[in-house]
Amino acid sequence: MTKRADFLAANKGRRMAMPGFVLLVHDRNDGDCTRRLGITVTKKIGGAVVRNRMKRRFRALARELLPDMGKSGADHILIGRAGGIERDFAALRAEFVKALKRIAT
């Protein structure tokens, strides 16, 4: 996702805060069953190298888990938090699985 309007619309969806990120899931209700991903990491987190590293980690998580566990026809937004860059990848993965399961219920 690249449009600001899509990110703002996702703010009205469900929110799940984890130590490394915040997950927003917004059901589009447009009849399209694709799962879309948006990633936001602000400058408060760090410089460009740190932000890009965090985005790469989020993309890897989403590529692995969203096809099976993501909500069909929904936008999934990952917002990076300050503790996310130091967290172990396995811990981030476990948190993402936990957040997706909670939002699905």
PDB file of N, CA and C in Angstrom:
ATOM      1  N   MET A   1       0.846  -1.171   0.000  1.00  0.00           N
ATOM      2  CA  MET A   1       0.000   0.000   0.000  1.00  0.00           C
ATOM      3  C   MET A   1       0.890   1.231   0.000  1.00  0.00           C
ATOM      4  N   THR A   2       0.475   2.226  -0.773  1.00  0.00           N
ATOM      5  CA  THR A   2       1.271   3.442  -0.840  1.00  0.00           C
ATOM      6  C   THR A   2       0.455   4.709  -0.624  1.00  0.00           C
ATOM      7  N   LYS A   3      -0.858   4.614  -0.720  1.00  0.00           N
ATOM      8  CA  LYS A   3      -1.694   5.815  -0.609  1.00  0.00           C
ATOM      9  C   LYS A   3      -1.989   6.161   0.845  1.00  0.00           C
ATOM     10  N   ARG A   4      -1.857   7.432   1.150  1.00  0.00           N
ATOM     11  CA  ARG A   4      -2.111   7.917   2.507  1.00  0.00           C
ATOM     12  C   ARG A   4      -3.540   7.627   2.945  1.00  0.00           C
ATOM     13  N   ALA A   5      -4.492   7.735   2.034  1.00  0.00           N
ATOM     14  CA  ALA A   5      -5.897   7.495   2.361  1.00  0.00           C
ATOM     15  C   ALA A   5      -6.110   6.063   2.859  1.00  0.00           C
ATOM     16  N   ASP A   6      -5.387   5.113   2.292  1.00  0.00           N
ATOM     17  CA  ASP A   6      -5.508   3.719   2.744  1.00  0.00           C
ATOM     18  C   ASP A   6      -4.987   3.553   4.170  1.00  0.00           C
ATOM     19  N   PHE A   7      -3.875   4.234   4.476  1.00  0.00           N
ATOM     20  CA  PHE A   7      -3.326   4.167   5.832  1.00  0.00           C
ATOM     21  C   PHE A   7      -4.273   4.831   6.833  1.00  0.00           C
ATOM     22  N   LEU A   8      -4.870   5.952   6.452  1.00  0.00           N
ATOM     23  CA  LEU A   8      -5.810   6.631   7.346  1.00  0.00           C
ATOM     24  C   LEU A   8      -7.066   5.798   7.561  1.00  0.00           C
ATOM     25  N   ALA A   9      -7.536   5.129   6.521  1.00  0.00           N
ATOM     26  CA  ALA A   9      -8.712   4.266   6.661  1.00  0.00           C
ATOM     27  C   ALA A   9      -8.410   3.090   7.590  1.00  0.00           C
ATOM     28  N   ALA A  10      -7.186   2.603   7.553  1.00  0.00           N
ATOM     29  CA  ALA A  10      -6.807   1.468   8.405  1.00  0.00           C
ATOM     30  C   ALA A  10      -6.817   1.847   9.879  1.00  0.00           C
ATOM     31  N   ASN A  11      -6.693   3.127  10.185  1.00  0.00           N
ATOM     32  CA  ASN A  11      -6.748   3.574  11.574  1.00  0.00           C
ATOM     33  C   ASN A  11      -8.099   3.275  12.223  1.00  0.00           C
ATOM     34  N   LYS A  12      -9.135   3.091  11.411  1.00  0.00           N
ATOM     35  CA  LYS A  12     -10.467   2.797  11.941  1.00  0.00           C
ATOM     36  C   LYS A  12     -10.654   1.312  12.231  1.00  0.00           C
ATOM     37  N   GLY A  13      -9.669   0.504  11.855  1.00  0.00           N
ATOM     38  CA  GLY A  13      -9.773  -0.941  12.041  1.00  0.00           C
ATOM     39  C   GLY A  13      -9.332  -1.378  13.422  1.00  0.00           C
ATOM     40  N   ARG A  14      -9.081  -2.671  13.539  1.00  0.00           N
ATOM     41  CA  ARG A  14      -8.639  -3.245  14.816  1.00  0.00           C
ATOM     42  C   ARG A  14      -7.157  -2.982  15.004  1.00  0.00           C
ATOM     43  N   ARG A  15      -6.755  -2.802  16.259  1.00  0.00           N
ATOM     44  CA  ARG A  15      -5.375  -2.455  16.605  1.00  0.00           C
ATOM     45  C   ARG A  15      -4.865  -3.428  17.653  1.00  0.00           C
ATOM     46  N   MET A  16      -3.636  -3.905  17.435  1.00  0.00           N
ATOM     47  CA  MET A  16      -3.006  -4.801  18.396  1.00  0.00           C
ATOM     48  C   MET A  16      -1.577  -4.315  18.618  1.00  0.00           C
ATOM     49  N   ALA A  17      -1.285  -3.871  19.835  1.00  0.00           N
ATOM     50  CA  ALA A  17       0.042  -3.360  20.169  1.00  0.00           C
ATOM     51  C   ALA A  17       0.903  -4.475  20.740  1.00  0.00           C
ATOM     52  N   MET A  18       2.089  -4.594  20.224  1.00  0.00           N
ATOM     53  CA  MET A  18       3.080  -5.553  20.691  1.00  0.00           C
ATOM     54  C   MET A  18       4.363  -4.781  21.016  1.00  0.00           C
ATOM     55  N   PRO A  19       5.305  -5.389  21.723  1.00  0.00           N
ATOM     56  CA  PRO A  19       6.529  -4.647  22.079  1.00  0.00           C
ATOM     57  C   PRO A  19       7.339  -4.154  20.881  1.00  0.00           C
ATOM     58  N   GLY A  20       7.329  -4.879  19.757  1.00  0.00           N
ATOM     59  CA  GLY A  20       8.137  -4.489  18.606  1.00  0.00           C
ATOM     60  C   GLY A  20       7.403  -3.719  17.533  1.00  0.00           C
ATOM     61  N   PHE A  21       6.066  -3.762  17.559  1.00  0.00           N
ATOM     62  CA  PHE A  21       5.285  -3.123  16.499  1.00  0.00           C
ATOM     63  C   PHE A  21       3.841  -2.964  16.946  1.00  0.00           C
ATOM     64  N   VAL A  22       3.086  -2.243  16.139  1.00  0.00           N
ATOM     65  CA  VAL A  22       1.633  -2.151  16.296  1.00  0.00           C
ATOM     66  C   VAL A  22       1.040  -2.666  14.993  1.00  0.00           C
ATOM     67  N   LEU A  23       0.082  -3.558  15.083  1.00  0.00           N
ATOM     68  CA  LEU A  23      -0.579  -4.117  13.909  1.00  0.00           C
ATOM     69  C   LEU A  23      -1.980  -3.535  13.810  1.00  0.00           C
ATOM     70  N   LEU A  24      -2.301  -2.969  12.655  1.00  0.00           N
ATOM     71  CA  LEU A  24      -3.648  -2.486  12.367  1.00  0.00           C
ATOM     72  C   LEU A  24      -4.230  -3.364  11.268  1.00  0.00           C
ATOM     73  N   VAL A  25      -5.452  -3.803  11.435  1.00  0.00           N
ATOM     74  CA  VAL A  25      -6.128  -4.599  10.412  1.00  0.00           C
ATOM     75  C   VAL A  25      -7.472  -3.955  10.142  1.00  0.00           C
ATOM     76  N   HIS A  26      -7.688  -3.611   8.869  1.00  0.00           N
ATOM     77  CA  HIS A  26      -8.925  -2.934   8.464  1.00  0.00           C
ATOM     78  C   HIS A  26      -9.551  -3.729   7.328  1.00  0.00           C
ATOM     79  N   ASP A  27     -10.784  -4.201   7.536  1.00  0.00           N
ATOM     80  CA  ASP A  27     -11.516  -4.919   6.500  1.00  0.00           C
ATOM     81  C   ASP A  27     -12.029  -3.911   5.479  1.00  0.00           C
ATOM     82  N   ARG A  28     -11.649  -4.097   4.213  1.00  0.00           N
ATOM     83  CA  ARG A  28     -11.995  -3.118   3.171  1.00  0.00           C
ATOM     84  C   ARG A  28     -13.448  -3.213   2.726  1.00  0.00           C
ATOM     85  N   ASN A  29     -14.057  -4.377   2.792  1.00  0.00           N
ATOM     86  CA  ASN A  29     -15.448  -4.583   2.348  1.00  0.00           C
ATOM     87  C   ASN A  29     -15.666  -4.129   0.910  1.00  0.00           C
ATOM     88  N   ASP A  30     -14.715  -4.435   0.033  1.00  0.00           N
ATOM     89  CA  ASP A  30     -14.858  -4.045  -1.362  1.00  0.00           C
ATOM     90  C   ASP A  30     -15.004  -5.247  -2.295  1.00  0.00           C
ATOM     91  N   GLY A  31     -15.131  -6.438  -1.740  1.00  0.00           N
ATOM     92  CA  GLY A  31     -15.312  -7.631  -2.554  1.00  0.00           C
ATOM     93  C   GLY A  31     -14.007  -8.239  -3.052  1.00  0.00           C
ATOM     94  N   ASP A  32     -12.895  -7.564  -2.849  1.00  0.00           N
ATOM     95  CA  ASP A  32     -11.589  -8.073  -3.257  1.00  0.00           C
ATOM     96  C   ASP A  32     -11.003  -8.872  -2.096  1.00  0.00           C
ATOM     97  N   CYS A  33     -10.548 -10.090  -2.355  1.00  0.00           N
ATOM     98  CA  CYS A  33     -10.087 -10.956  -1.268  1.00  0.00           C
ATOM     99  C   CYS A  33      -8.579 -10.878  -1.034  1.00  0.00           C
ATOM    100  N   THR A  34      -7.884  -9.959  -1.698  1.00  0.00           N
ATOM    101  CA  THR A  34      -6.434  -9.874  -1.505  1.00  0.00           C
ATOM    102  C   THR A  34      -6.097  -9.283  -0.137  1.00  0.00           C
ATOM    103  N   ARG A  35      -4.956  -9.699   0.379  1.00  0.00           N
ATOM    104  CA  ARG A  35      -4.442  -9.176   1.651  1.00  0.00           C
ATOM    105  C   ARG A  35      -3.369  -8.153   1.307  1.00  0.00           C
ATOM    106  N   ARG A  36      -3.567  -6.910   1.724  1.00  0.00           N
ATOM    107  CA  ARG A  36      -2.580  -5.875   1.419  1.00  0.00           C
ATOM    108  C   ARG A  36      -1.768  -5.558   2.661  1.00  0.00           C
ATOM    109  N   LEU A  37      -0.523  -5.123   2.443  1.00  0.00           N
ATOM    110  CA  LEU A  37       0.397  -4.830   3.526  1.00  0.00           C
ATOM    111  C   LEU A  37       0.894  -3.397   3.388  1.00  0.00           C
ATOM    112  N   GLY A  38       0.936  -2.715   4.515  1.00  0.00           N
ATOM    113  CA  GLY A  38       1.533  -1.392   4.594  1.00  0.00           C
ATOM    114  C   GLY A  38       2.484  -1.364   5.773  1.00  0.00           C
ATOM    115  N   ILE A  39       3.606  -0.681   5.608  1.00  0.00           N
ATOM    116  CA  ILE A  39       4.614  -0.612   6.662  1.00  0.00           C
ATOM    117  C   ILE A  39       4.960   0.843   6.918  1.00  0.00           C
ATOM    118  N   THR A  40       5.005   1.219   8.192  1.00  0.00           N
ATOM    119  CA  THR A  40       5.382   2.570   8.590  1.00  0.00           C
ATOM    120  C   THR A  40       6.427   2.486   9.693  1.00  0.00           C
ATOM    121  N   VAL A  41       7.551   3.164   9.462  1.00  0.00           N
ATOM    122  CA  VAL A  41       8.595   3.276  10.477  1.00  0.00           C
ATOM    123  C   VAL A  41       9.046   4.738  10.464  1.00  0.00           C
ATOM    124  N   THR A  42       8.845   5.434  11.568  1.00  0.00           N
ATOM    125  CA  THR A  42       9.133   6.867  11.608  1.00  0.00           C
ATOM    126  C   THR A  42      10.595   7.141  11.931  1.00  0.00           C
ATOM    127  N   LYS A  43      10.991   8.395  11.785  1.00  0.00           N
ATOM    128  CA  LYS A  43      12.364   8.808  12.061  1.00  0.00           C
ATOM    129  C   LYS A  43      12.701   8.743  13.541  1.00  0.00           C
ATOM    130  N   LYS A  44      11.687   8.688  14.393  1.00  0.00           N
ATOM    131  CA  LYS A  44      11.939   8.537  15.828  1.00  0.00           C
ATOM    132  C   LYS A  44      12.639   7.216  16.135  1.00  0.00           C
ATOM    133  N   ILE A  45      12.443   6.239  15.285  1.00  0.00           N
ATOM    134  CA  ILE A  45      13.026   4.919  15.491  1.00  0.00           C
ATOM    135  C   ILE A  45      14.535   4.955  15.236  1.00  0.00           C
ATOM    136  N   GLY A  46      14.946   5.702  14.231  1.00  0.00           N
ATOM    137  CA  GLY A  46      16.368   5.774  13.908  1.00  0.00           C
ATOM    138  C   GLY A  46      16.590   6.348  12.530  1.00  0.00           C
ATOM    139  N   GLY A  47      17.825   6.285  12.086  1.00  0.00           N
ATOM    140  CA  GLY A  47      18.184   6.796  10.771  1.00  0.00           C
ATOM    141  C   GLY A  47      17.678   5.885   9.661  1.00  0.00           C
ATOM    142  N   ALA A  48      18.056   6.228   8.439  1.00  0.00           N
ATOM    143  CA  ALA A  48      17.568   5.496   7.274  1.00  0.00           C
ATOM    144  C   ALA A  48      17.982   4.031   7.293  1.00  0.00           C
ATOM    145  N   VAL A  49      19.187   3.758   7.731  1.00  0.00           N
ATOM    146  CA  VAL A  49      19.663   2.372   7.755  1.00  0.00           C
ATOM    147  C   VAL A  49      18.824   1.542   8.722  1.00  0.00           C
ATOM    148  N   VAL A  50      18.544   2.087   9.892  1.00  0.00           N
ATOM    149  CA  VAL A  50      17.754   1.384  10.899  1.00  0.00           C
ATOM    150  C   VAL A  50      16.319   1.195  10.414  1.00  0.00           C
ATOM    151  N   ARG A  51      15.743   2.235   9.848  1.00  0.00           N
ATOM    152  CA  ARG A  51      14.353   2.139   9.364  1.00  0.00           C
ATOM    153  C   ARG A  51      14.230   1.121   8.236  1.00  0.00           C
ATOM    154  N   ASN A  52      15.168   1.126   7.302  1.00  0.00           N
ATOM    155  CA  ASN A  52      15.112   0.171   6.195  1.00  0.00           C
ATOM    156  C   ASN A  52      15.308  -1.257   6.675  1.00  0.00           C
ATOM    157  N   ARG A  53      16.173  -1.444   7.671  1.00  0.00           N
ATOM    158  CA  ARG A  53      16.377  -2.783   8.228  1.00  0.00           C
ATOM    159  C   ARG A  53      15.097  -3.295   8.866  1.00  0.00           C
ATOM    160  N   MET A  54      14.418  -2.416   9.595  1.00  0.00           N
ATOM    161  CA  MET A  54      13.168  -2.812  10.240  1.00  0.00           C
ATOM    162  C   MET A  54      12.101  -3.139   9.190  1.00  0.00           C
ATOM    163  N   LYS A  55      12.039  -2.357   8.134  1.00  0.00           N
ATOM    164  CA  LYS A  55      11.062  -2.628   7.071  1.00  0.00           C
ATOM    165  C   LYS A  55      11.340  -3.960   6.385  1.00  0.00           C
ATOM    166  N   ARG A  56      12.605  -4.278   6.176  1.00  0.00           N
ATOM    167  CA  ARG A  56      12.956  -5.577   5.579  1.00  0.00           C
ATOM    168  C   ARG A  56      12.523  -6.724   6.481  1.00  0.00           C
ATOM    169  N   ARG A  57      12.703  -6.562   7.782  1.00  0.00           N
ATOM    170  CA  ARG A  57      12.270  -7.602   8.727  1.00  0.00           C
ATOM    171  C   ARG A  57      10.756  -7.762   8.688  1.00  0.00           C
ATOM    172  N   PHE A  58      10.019  -6.655   8.643  1.00  0.00           N
ATOM    173  CA  PHE A  58       8.559  -6.711   8.574  1.00  0.00           C
ATOM    174  C   PHE A  58       8.095  -7.382   7.278  1.00  0.00           C
ATOM    175  N   ARG A  59       8.744  -7.057   6.166  1.00  0.00           N
ATOM    176  CA  ARG A  59       8.360  -7.677   4.896  1.00  0.00           C
ATOM    177  C   ARG A  59       8.593  -9.183   4.922  1.00  0.00           C
ATOM    178  N   ALA A  60       9.697  -9.603   5.526  1.00  0.00           N
ATOM    179  CA  ALA A  60       9.982 -11.036   5.632  1.00  0.00           C
ATOM    180  C   ALA A  60       8.927 -11.741   6.483  1.00  0.00           C
ATOM    181  N   LEU A  61       8.535 -11.115   7.586  1.00  0.00           N
ATOM    182  CA  LEU A  61       7.483 -11.689   8.432  1.00  0.00           C
ATOM    183  C   LEU A  61       6.172 -11.803   7.667  1.00  0.00           C
ATOM    184  N   ALA A  62       5.806 -10.731   6.979  1.00  0.00           N
ATOM    185  CA  ALA A  62       4.538 -10.712   6.252  1.00  0.00           C
ATOM    186  C   ALA A  62       4.538 -11.734   5.116  1.00  0.00           C
ATOM    187  N   ARG A  63       5.645 -11.851   4.414  1.00  0.00           N
ATOM    188  CA  ARG A  63       5.748 -12.805   3.315  1.00  0.00           C
ATOM    189  C   ARG A  63       5.548 -14.234   3.825  1.00  0.00           C
ATOM    190  N   GLU A  64       6.017 -14.488   5.028  1.00  0.00           N
ATOM    191  CA  GLU A  64       5.919 -15.828   5.601  1.00  0.00           C
ATOM    192  C   GLU A  64       4.544 -16.113   6.193  1.00  0.00           C
ATOM    193  N   LEU A  65       3.953 -15.131   6.899  1.00  0.00           N
ATOM    194  CA  LEU A  65       2.768 -15.414   7.710  1.00  0.00           C
ATOM    195  C   LEU A  65       1.439 -14.915   7.145  1.00  0.00           C
ATOM    196  N   LEU A  66       1.438 -13.830   6.406  1.00  0.00           N
ATOM    197  CA  LEU A  66       0.159 -13.276   5.938  1.00  0.00           C
ATOM    198  C   LEU A  66      -0.625 -14.197   5.007  1.00  0.00           C
ATOM    199  N   PRO A  67       0.006 -14.920   4.080  1.00  0.00           N
ATOM    200  CA  PRO A  67      -0.811 -15.783   3.213  1.00  0.00           C
ATOM    201  C   PRO A  67      -1.645 -16.803   3.972  1.00  0.00           C
ATOM    202  N   ASP A  68      -1.138 -17.306   5.095  1.00  0.00           N
ATOM    203  CA  ASP A  68      -1.868 -18.329   5.846  1.00  0.00           C
ATOM    204  C   ASP A  68      -2.725 -17.749   6.968  1.00  0.00           C
ATOM    205  N   MET A  69      -2.207 -16.725   7.655  1.00  0.00           N
ATOM    206  CA  MET A  69      -2.868 -16.244   8.863  1.00  0.00           C
ATOM    207  C   MET A  69      -3.540 -14.886   8.707  1.00  0.00           C
ATOM    208  N   GLY A  70      -3.244 -14.179   7.625  1.00  0.00           N
ATOM    209  CA  GLY A  70      -3.822 -12.854   7.432  1.00  0.00           C
ATOM    210  C   GLY A  70      -5.300 -12.922   7.110  1.00  0.00           C
ATOM    211  N   LYS A  71      -5.991 -11.841   7.404  1.00  0.00           N
ATOM    212  CA  LYS A  71      -7.425 -11.776   7.136  1.00  0.00           C
ATOM    213  C   LYS A  71      -7.647 -11.474   5.660  1.00  0.00           C
ATOM    214  N   SER A  72      -8.437 -12.294   5.017  1.00  0.00           N
ATOM    215  CA  SER A  72      -8.708 -12.127   3.597  1.00  0.00           C
ATOM    216  C   SER A  72      -9.534 -10.859   3.360  1.00  0.00           C
ATOM    217  N   GLY A  73      -9.155 -10.084   2.353  1.00  0.00           N
ATOM    218  CA  GLY A  73      -9.877  -8.861   2.020  1.00  0.00           C
ATOM    219  C   GLY A  73      -9.611  -7.718   2.978  1.00  0.00           C
ATOM    220  N   ALA A  74      -8.447  -7.737   3.638  1.00  0.00           N
ATOM    221  CA  ALA A  74      -8.159  -6.712   4.634  1.00  0.00           C
ATOM    222  C   ALA A  74      -6.801  -6.068   4.368  1.00  0.00           C
ATOM    223  N   ASP A  75      -6.645  -4.865   4.898  1.00  0.00           N
ATOM    224  CA  ASP A  75      -5.367  -4.166   4.888  1.00  0.00           C
ATOM    225  C   ASP A  75      -4.673  -4.435   6.213  1.00  0.00           C
ATOM    226  N   HIS A  76      -3.413  -4.795   6.153  1.00  0.00           N
ATOM    227  CA  HIS A  76      -2.604  -5.055   7.348  1.00  0.00           C
ATOM    228  C   HIS A  76      -1.505  -4.006   7.385  1.00  0.00           C
ATOM    229  N   ILE A  77      -1.468  -3.213   8.441  1.00  0.00           N
ATOM    230  CA  ILE A  77      -0.472  -2.160   8.592  1.00  0.00           C
ATOM    231  C   ILE A  77       0.426  -2.515   9.770  1.00  0.00           C
ATOM    232  N   LEU A  78       1.735  -2.504   9.549  1.00  0.00           N
ATOM    233  CA  LEU A  78       2.708  -2.706  10.609  1.00  0.00           C
ATOM    234  C   LEU A  78       3.396  -1.378  10.893  1.00  0.00           C
ATOM    235  N   ILE A  79       3.313  -0.927  12.128  1.00  0.00           N
ATOM    236  CA  ILE A  79       3.943   0.319  12.552  1.00  0.00           C
ATOM    237  C   ILE A  79       5.084  -0.052  13.489  1.00  0.00           C
ATOM    238  N   GLY A  80       6.295   0.309  13.119  1.00  0.00           N
ATOM    239  CA  GLY A  80       7.467  -0.036  13.903  1.00  0.00           C
ATOM    240  C   GLY A  80       7.525   0.736  15.209  1.00  0.00           C
ATOM    241  N   ARG A  81       7.968   0.061  16.254  1.00  0.00           N
ATOM    242  CA  ARG A  81       8.172   0.689  17.558  1.00  0.00           C
ATOM    243  C   ARG A  81       9.665   0.656  17.888  1.00  0.00           C
ATOM    244  N   ALA A  82      10.048   1.466  18.859  1.00  0.00           N
ATOM    245  CA  ALA A  82      11.458   1.637  19.181  1.00  0.00           C
ATOM    246  C   ALA A  82      12.139   0.328  19.578  1.00  0.00           C
ATOM    247  N   GLY A  83      11.452  -0.556  20.261  1.00  0.00           N
ATOM    248  CA  GLY A  83      12.068  -1.801  20.695  1.00  0.00           C
ATOM    249  C   GLY A  83      12.144  -2.868  19.630  1.00  0.00           C
ATOM    250  N   GLY A  84      11.579  -2.619  18.476  1.00  0.00           N
ATOM    251  CA  GLY A  84      11.498  -3.642  17.443  1.00  0.00           C
ATOM    252  C   GLY A  84      12.797  -3.978  16.761  1.00  0.00           C
ATOM    253  N   ILE A  85      13.691  -3.018  16.664  1.00  0.00           N
ATOM    254  CA  ILE A  85      14.923  -3.266  15.912  1.00  0.00           C
ATOM    255  C   ILE A  85      15.894  -4.150  16.688  1.00  0.00           C
ATOM    256  N   GLU A  86      15.882  -4.055  18.019  1.00  0.00           N
ATOM    257  CA  GLU A  86      16.790  -4.887  18.813  1.00  0.00           C
ATOM    258  C   GLU A  86      16.225  -6.275  19.080  1.00  0.00           C
ATOM    259  N   ARG A  87      14.940  -6.457  18.846  1.00  0.00           N
ATOM    260  CA  ARG A  87      14.301  -7.735  19.163  1.00  0.00           C
ATOM    261  C   ARG A  87      14.781  -8.834  18.225  1.00  0.00           C
ATOM    262  N   ASP A  88      14.873 -10.015  18.775  1.00  0.00           N
ATOM    263  CA  ASP A  88      15.235 -11.192  18.007  1.00  0.00           C
ATOM    264  C   ASP A  88      14.142 -11.465  16.974  1.00  0.00           C
ATOM    265  N   PHE A  89      14.543 -11.952  15.794  1.00  0.00           N
ATOM    266  CA  PHE A  89      13.577 -12.191  14.734  1.00  0.00           C
ATOM    267  C   PHE A  89      12.544 -13.241  15.151  1.00  0.00           C
ATOM    268  N   ALA A  90      12.961 -14.241  15.895  1.00  0.00           N
ATOM    269  CA  ALA A  90      12.032 -15.273  16.359  1.00  0.00           C
ATOM    270  C   ALA A  90      10.996 -14.677  17.316  1.00  0.00           C
ATOM    271  N   ALA A  91      11.424 -13.721  18.143  1.00  0.00           N
ATOM    272  CA  ALA A  91      10.486 -13.069  19.060  1.00  0.00           C
ATOM    273  C   ALA A  91       9.497 -12.212  18.280  1.00  0.00           C
ATOM    274  N   LEU A  92       9.987 -11.496  17.259  1.00  0.00           N
ATOM    275  CA  LEU A  92       9.085 -10.703  16.417  1.00  0.00           C
ATOM    276  C   LEU A  92       8.073 -11.601  15.711  1.00  0.00           C
ATOM    277  N   ARG A  93       8.541 -12.754  15.232  1.00  0.00           N
ATOM    278  CA  ARG A  93       7.651 -13.681  14.542  1.00  0.00           C
ATOM    279  C   ARG A  93       6.568 -14.191  15.493  1.00  0.00           C
ATOM    280  N   ALA A  94       6.965 -14.543  16.709  1.00  0.00           N
ATOM    281  CA  ALA A  94       5.998 -15.034  17.697  1.00  0.00           C
ATOM    282  C   ALA A  94       4.982 -13.954  18.042  1.00  0.00           C
ATOM    283  N   GLU A  95       5.439 -12.701  18.153  1.00  0.00           N
ATOM    284  CA  GLU A  95       4.523 -11.602  18.442  1.00  0.00           C
ATOM    285  C   GLU A  95       3.558 -11.373  17.281  1.00  0.00           C
ATOM    286  N   PHE A  96       4.056 -11.496  16.050  1.00  0.00           N
ATOM    287  CA  PHE A  96       3.199 -11.292  14.880  1.00  0.00           C
ATOM    288  C   PHE A  96       2.135 -12.382  14.794  1.00  0.00           C
ATOM    289  N   VAL A  97       2.531 -13.628  15.069  1.00  0.00           N
ATOM    290  CA  VAL A  97       1.561 -14.731  15.080  1.00  0.00           C
ATOM    291  C   VAL A  97       0.506 -14.484  16.150  1.00  0.00           C
ATOM    292  N   LYS A  98       0.937 -14.070  17.335  1.00  0.00           N
ATOM    293  CA  LYS A  98       0.017 -13.800  18.438  1.00  0.00           C
ATOM    294  C   LYS A  98      -0.951 -12.667  18.080  1.00  0.00           C
ATOM    295  N   ALA A  99      -0.444 -11.611  17.466  1.00  0.00           N
ATOM    296  CA  ALA A  99      -1.289 -10.477  17.091  1.00  0.00           C
ATOM    297  C   ALA A  99      -2.303 -10.886  16.017  1.00  0.00           C
ATOM    298  N   LEU A 100      -1.874 -11.658  15.023  1.00  0.00           N
ATOM    299  CA  LEU A 100      -2.799 -12.085  13.975  1.00  0.00           C
ATOM    300  C   LEU A 100      -3.888 -12.997  14.540  1.00  0.00           C
ATOM    301  N   LYS A 101      -3.532 -13.865  15.476  1.00  0.00           N
ATOM    302  CA  LYS A 101      -4.539 -14.751  16.078  1.00  0.00           C
ATOM    303  C   LYS A 101      -5.541 -13.943  16.902  1.00  0.00           C
ATOM    304  N   ARG A 102      -5.069 -12.966  17.667  1.00  0.00           N
ATOM    305  CA  ARG A 102      -5.973 -12.153  18.467  1.00  0.00           C
ATOM    306  C   ARG A 102      -6.921 -11.337  17.606  1.00  0.00           C
ATOM    307  N   ILE A 103      -6.414 -10.810  16.520  1.00  0.00           N
ATOM    308  CA  ILE A 103      -7.270  -9.974  15.659  1.00  0.00           C
ATOM    309  C   ILE A 103      -8.286 -10.830  14.925  1.00  0.00           C
ATOM    310  N   ALA A 104      -7.927 -12.075  14.631  1.00  0.00           N
ATOM    311  CA  ALA A 104      -8.847 -12.965  13.902  1.00  0.00           C
ATOM    312  C   ALA A 104     -10.065 -13.329  14.741  1.00  0.00           C
ATOM    313  N   THR A 105      -9.948 -13.258  16.076  1.00  0.00           N
ATOM    314  CA  THR A 105     -11.087 -13.644  16.917  1.00  0.00           C
ATOM    315  C   THR A 105     -12.042 -12.491  17.114  1.00  0.00           C
TER     316      THR A 105
END
